[in-house]
C-alpha atoms as a PDB file:
ATOM      1  CA  MET A   1       0.000   0.000   0.000  1.00  0.00           C
ATOM      2  CA  SER A   2       1.536   3.262  -1.170  1.00  0.00           C
ATOM      3  CA  MET A   3       1.741   6.209   1.191  1.00  0.00           C
ATOM      4  CA  ILE A   4       2.312   9.749  -0.035  1.00  0.00           C
ATOM      5  CA  GLN A   5       4.037  12.237   2.223  1.00  0.00           C
ATOM      6  CA  THR A   6       2.750  15.467   0.646  1.00  0.00           C
ATOM      7  CA  ILE A   7       0.237  16.347  -2.055  1.00  0.00           C
ATOM      8  CA  ALA A   8      -0.293  19.819  -3.523  1.00  0.00           C
ATOM      9  CA  ILE A   9      -3.697  20.835  -4.844  1.00  0.00           C
ATOM     10  CA  ILE A  10      -3.543  23.926  -7.050  1.00  0.00           C
ATOM     11  CA  ASP A  11      -7.088  25.067  -7.764  1.00  0.00           C
ATOM     12  CA  ASP A  12      -8.969  28.351  -7.410  1.00  0.00           C
ATOM     13  CA  ASP A  13     -12.240  26.739  -6.300  1.00  0.00           C
ATOM     14  CA  ASP A  14     -12.477  26.806  -2.476  1.00  0.00           C
ATOM     15  CA  ILE A  15     -15.197  24.151  -2.391  1.00  0.00           C
ATOM     16  CA  TYR A  16     -13.278  21.834  -4.695  1.00  0.00           C
ATOM     17  CA  ARG A  17     -10.104  22.178  -2.587  1.00  0.00           C
ATOM     18  CA  PHE A  18     -12.083  21.479   0.596  1.00  0.00           C
ATOM     19  CA  ALA A  19     -13.881  18.458  -0.891  1.00  0.00           C
ATOM     20  CA  SER A  20     -10.671  17.089  -2.415  1.00  0.00           C
ATOM     21  CA  LYS A  21      -8.876  17.319   0.924  1.00  0.00           C
ATOM     22  CA  ARG A  22     -11.708  15.423   2.628  1.00  0.00           C
ATOM     23  CA  ILE A  23     -11.707  12.700  -0.015  1.00  0.00           C
ATOM     24  CA  ILE A  24      -7.929  12.323   0.057  1.00  0.00           C
ATOM     25  CA  ASN A  25      -7.759  12.378   3.864  1.00  0.00           C
ATOM     26  CA  ALA A  26     -10.455   9.680   4.035  1.00  0.00           C
ATOM     27  CA  THR A  27      -8.070   7.257   2.321  1.00  0.00           C
ATOM     28  CA  ASN A  28      -5.440   7.593   5.073  1.00  0.00           C
ATOM     29  CA  ARG A  29      -2.767   7.403   2.384  1.00  0.00           C
ATOM     30  CA  THR A  30      -1.168  10.831   2.747  1.00  0.00           C
ATOM     31  CA  LYS A  31       0.289  12.808   5.609  1.00  0.00           C
ATOM     32  CA  ASN A  32       0.098  16.383   4.326  1.00  0.00           C
ATOM     33  CA  ILE A  33      -1.980  18.307   1.787  1.00  0.00           C
ATOM     34  CA  GLN A  34      -0.805  21.708   0.595  1.00  0.00           C
ATOM     35  CA  THR A  35      -3.379  23.868  -1.158  1.00  0.00           C
ATOM     36  CA  TYR A  36      -2.910  26.896  -3.394  1.00  0.00           C
ATOM     37  CA  SER A  37      -5.646  29.070  -4.874  1.00  0.00           C
ATOM     38  CA  ASN A  38      -3.640  29.883  -8.004  1.00  0.00           C
ATOM     39  CA  GLY A  39      -0.452  28.996  -9.814  1.00  0.00           C
ATOM     40  CA  GLU A  40       1.403  32.079  -8.605  1.00  0.00           C
ATOM     41  CA  LYS A  41       1.141  31.061  -4.950  1.00  0.00           C
ATOM     42  CA  ALA A  42       2.330  27.552  -5.787  1.00  0.00           C
ATOM     43  CA  ILE A  43       5.269  28.740  -7.920  1.00  0.00           C
ATOM     44  CA  ASN A  44       6.329  31.158  -5.184  1.00  0.00           C
ATOM     45  CA  PHE A  45       6.321  28.281  -2.676  1.00  0.00           C
ATOM     46  CA  PHE A  46       8.454  26.194  -5.036  1.00  0.00           C
ATOM     47  CA  LYS A  47      10.931  29.036  -5.538  1.00  0.00           C
ATOM     48  CA  GLU A  48      11.231  29.564  -1.771  1.00  0.00           C
ATOM     49  CA  ASN A  49      11.880  25.845  -1.198  1.00  0.00           C
ATOM     50  CA  LEU A  50      14.223  24.922  -4.045  1.00  0.00           C
ATOM     51  CA  GLY A  51      16.942  24.015  -1.576  1.00  0.00           C
ATOM     52  CA  HIS A  52      14.540  21.996   0.573  1.00  0.00           C
ATOM     53  CA  PRO A  53      13.102  19.143  -1.518  1.00  0.00           C
ATOM     54  CA  ASN A  54      11.489  17.574   1.551  1.00  0.00           C
ATOM     55  CA  ASN A  55       9.222  20.630   1.789  1.00  0.00           C
ATOM     56  CA  LEU A  56       8.043  20.146  -1.785  1.00  0.00           C
ATOM     57  CA  PRO A  57       5.091  17.909  -2.623  1.00  0.00           C
ATOM     58  CA  ASP A  58       5.464  14.371  -3.900  1.00  0.00           C
ATOM     59  CA  ILE A  59       2.621  14.887  -6.361  1.00  0.00           C
ATOM     60  CA  ILE A  60       0.680  17.848  -7.766  1.00  0.00           C
ATOM     61  CA  PHE A  61      -3.002  17.975  -8.679  1.00  0.00           C
ATOM     62  CA  LEU A  62      -3.380  20.971 -10.990  1.00  0.00           C
ATOM     63  CA  ASP A  63      -6.406  22.849 -12.298  1.00  0.00           C
ATOM     64  CA  LEU A  64      -6.064  24.604 -15.656  1.00  0.00           C
ATOM     65  CA  ASN A  65      -8.503  27.507 -15.396  1.00  0.00           C
ATOM     66  CA  MET A  66      -7.424  29.830 -12.590  1.00  0.00           C
ATOM     67  CA  PRO A  67      -6.875  33.557 -12.175  1.00  0.00           C
ATOM     68  CA  ILE A  68      -3.458  35.251 -11.959  1.00  0.00           C
ATOM     69  CA  ILE A  69      -1.382  32.270 -13.166  1.00  0.00           C
ATOM     70  CA  ASP A  70      -3.411  29.474 -14.736  1.00  0.00           C
ATOM     71  CA  GLY A  71      -2.421  25.825 -14.980  1.00  0.00           C
ATOM     72  CA  TRP A  72      -0.743  26.178 -18.377  1.00  0.00           C
ATOM     73  CA  GLN A  73       1.358  29.105 -17.150  1.00  0.00           C
ATOM     74  CA  PHE A  74       2.188  27.160 -13.983  1.00  0.00           C
ATOM     75  CA  LEU A  75       3.447  24.286 -16.138  1.00  0.00           C
ATOM     76  CA  ASP A  76       5.638  26.642 -18.178  1.00  0.00           C
ATOM     77  CA  MET A  77       7.147  28.114 -15.001  1.00  0.00           C
ATOM     78  CA  PHE A  78       7.510  24.684 -13.374  1.00  0.00           C
ATOM     79  CA  LYS A  79       9.506  23.449 -16.394  1.00  0.00           C
ATOM     80  CA  LEU A  80      11.981  26.292 -15.835  1.00  0.00           C
ATOM     81  CA  LEU A  81      12.335  25.410 -12.145  1.00  0.00           C
ATOM     82  CA  LYS A  82      12.486  21.647 -12.679  1.00  0.00           C
ATOM     83  CA  PRO A  83      16.293  21.474 -13.199  1.00  0.00           C
ATOM     84  CA  LYS A  84      16.747  23.128  -9.789  1.00  0.00           C
ATOM     85  CA  ILE A  85      14.315  20.786  -8.015  1.00  0.00           C
ATOM     86  CA  ASN A  86      16.057  17.709  -6.670  1.00  0.00           C
ATOM     87  CA  LYS A  87      12.894  15.664  -6.773  1.00  0.00           C
ATOM     88  CA  ASN A  88      10.655  14.022  -9.362  1.00  0.00           C
ATOM     89  CA  ILE A  89       7.170  15.502  -8.873  1.00  0.00           C
ATOM     90  CA  PRO A  90       4.456  14.025 -11.102  1.00  0.00           C
ATOM     91  CA  ILE A  91       1.690  16.421 -12.116  1.00  0.00           C
ATOM     92  CA  TYR A  92      -1.883  15.301 -12.643  1.00  0.00           C
ATOM     93  CA  ILE A  93      -4.216  17.766 -14.283  1.00  0.00           C
ATOM     94  CA  PHE A  94      -7.677  17.714 -12.738  1.00  0.00           C
ATOM     95  CA  SER A  95      -9.869  19.961 -14.849  1.00  0.00           C
ATOM     96  CA  SER A  96     -13.534  20.507 -15.507  1.00  0.00           C
ATOM     97  CA  SER A  97     -12.608  21.033 -19.171  1.00  0.00           C
ATOM     98  CA  ILE A  98     -13.610  18.238 -21.507  1.00  0.00           C
ATOM     99  CA  ASN A  99     -12.112  20.115 -24.461  1.00  0.00           C
ATOM    100  CA  PRO A 100     -10.122  17.545 -26.474  1.00  0.00           C
ATOM    101  CA  ASP A 101      -7.558  20.255 -27.296  1.00  0.00           C
ATOM    102  CA  ASP A 102      -6.673  20.510 -23.588  1.00  0.00           C
ATOM    103  CA  LEU A 103      -6.115  16.760 -23.393  1.00  0.00           C
ATOM    104  CA  ILE A 104      -3.967  16.802 -26.544  1.00  0.00           C
ATOM    105  CA  ALA A 105      -1.939  19.783 -25.272  1.00  0.00           C
ATOM    106  CA  SER A 106      -1.374  18.118 -21.881  1.00  0.00           C
ATOM    107  CA  LYS A 107      -0.001  14.982 -23.562  1.00  0.00           C
ATOM    108  CA  GLN A 108       2.693  17.143 -25.177  1.00  0.00           C
ATOM    109  CA  ILE A 109       4.034  18.201 -21.778  1.00  0.00           C
ATOM    110  CA  GLU A 110       6.546  15.761 -20.327  1.00  0.00           C
ATOM    111  CA  GLU A 111       5.853  16.869 -16.746  1.00  0.00           C
ATOM    112  CA  VAL A 112       2.153  15.943 -16.967  1.00  0.00           C
ATOM    113  CA  SER A 113       1.506  12.356 -15.898  1.00  0.00           C
ATOM    114  CA  ASN A 114      -2.200  12.320 -16.744  1.00  0.00           C
ATOM    115  CA  TYR A 115      -5.244  14.456 -17.504  1.00  0.00           C
ATOM    116  CA  LEU A 116      -8.357  13.666 -15.500  1.00  0.00           C
ATOM    117  CA  VAL A 117     -11.777  15.271 -15.469  1.00  0.00           C
ATOM    118  CA  LYS A 118     -13.006  16.601 -12.121  1.00  0.00           C
ATOM    119  CA  PRO A 119     -13.999  15.695  -9.552  1.00  0.00           C
ATOM    120  CA  ILE A 120     -11.401  13.641  -7.770  1.00  0.00           C
ATOM    121  CA  THR A 121     -12.832  10.511  -6.212  1.00  0.00           C
ATOM    122  CA  GLU A 122     -11.369   8.041  -3.751  1.00  0.00           C
ATOM    123  CA  GLU A 123     -11.071   5.539  -6.587  1.00  0.00           C
ATOM    124  CA  LYS A 124      -9.194   7.960  -8.855  1.00  0.00           C
ATOM    125  CA  PHE A 125      -6.897   8.996  -6.021  1.00  0.00           C
ATOM    126  CA  LEU A 126      -6.113   5.423  -4.969  1.00  0.00           C
ATOM    127  CA  ASP A 127      -5.487   4.421  -8.574  1.00  0.00           C
ATOM    128  CA  ILE A 128      -3.033   7.294  -8.966  1.00  0.00           C
ATOM    129  CA  ILE A 129      -1.010   6.604  -5.835  1.00  0.00           C
ATOM    130  CA  ASP A 130      -1.062   2.825  -6.236  1.00  0.00           C
ATOM    131  CA  ASN A 131       0.530   3.256  -9.662  1.00  0.00           C
ATOM    132  CA  LEU A 132       2.893   6.050  -8.696  1.00  0.00           C
ATOM    133  CA  GLU A 133       6.648   5.715  -8.673  1.00  0.00           C
ATOM    134  CA  ILE A 134       8.107   8.288  -6.275  1.00  0.00           C
ATOM    135  CA  SER A 135      11.802   8.981  -6.611  1.00  0.00           C
END
């Protein structure tokens, strides 16, 4: 049974973040959940913790449509930081968008492990972490 130390949820929807935390916590398979209401807050956290990989999440659940810095912009900025991060952090897009262009675009980004349509469920979460390879 896989256990995840830290998960980051980057999503502007307060209710979705709250519900996702409850669902994930109900599985008892993670110790810490970081939440960010937009990509800018998440990127700033990453920049502040580049020298502390243990503070960084083991996995990211990312929304695409957010104010300030959206998910696509976050991914662009994350790619620039990635060489300085001493940790492999898989990114799962959780979006309400069913636009096939978003799915196609996400498959072109090496850092994106999968594209899933909201909401997160216990089953989706358990499937992700049971098939995850943390390095």
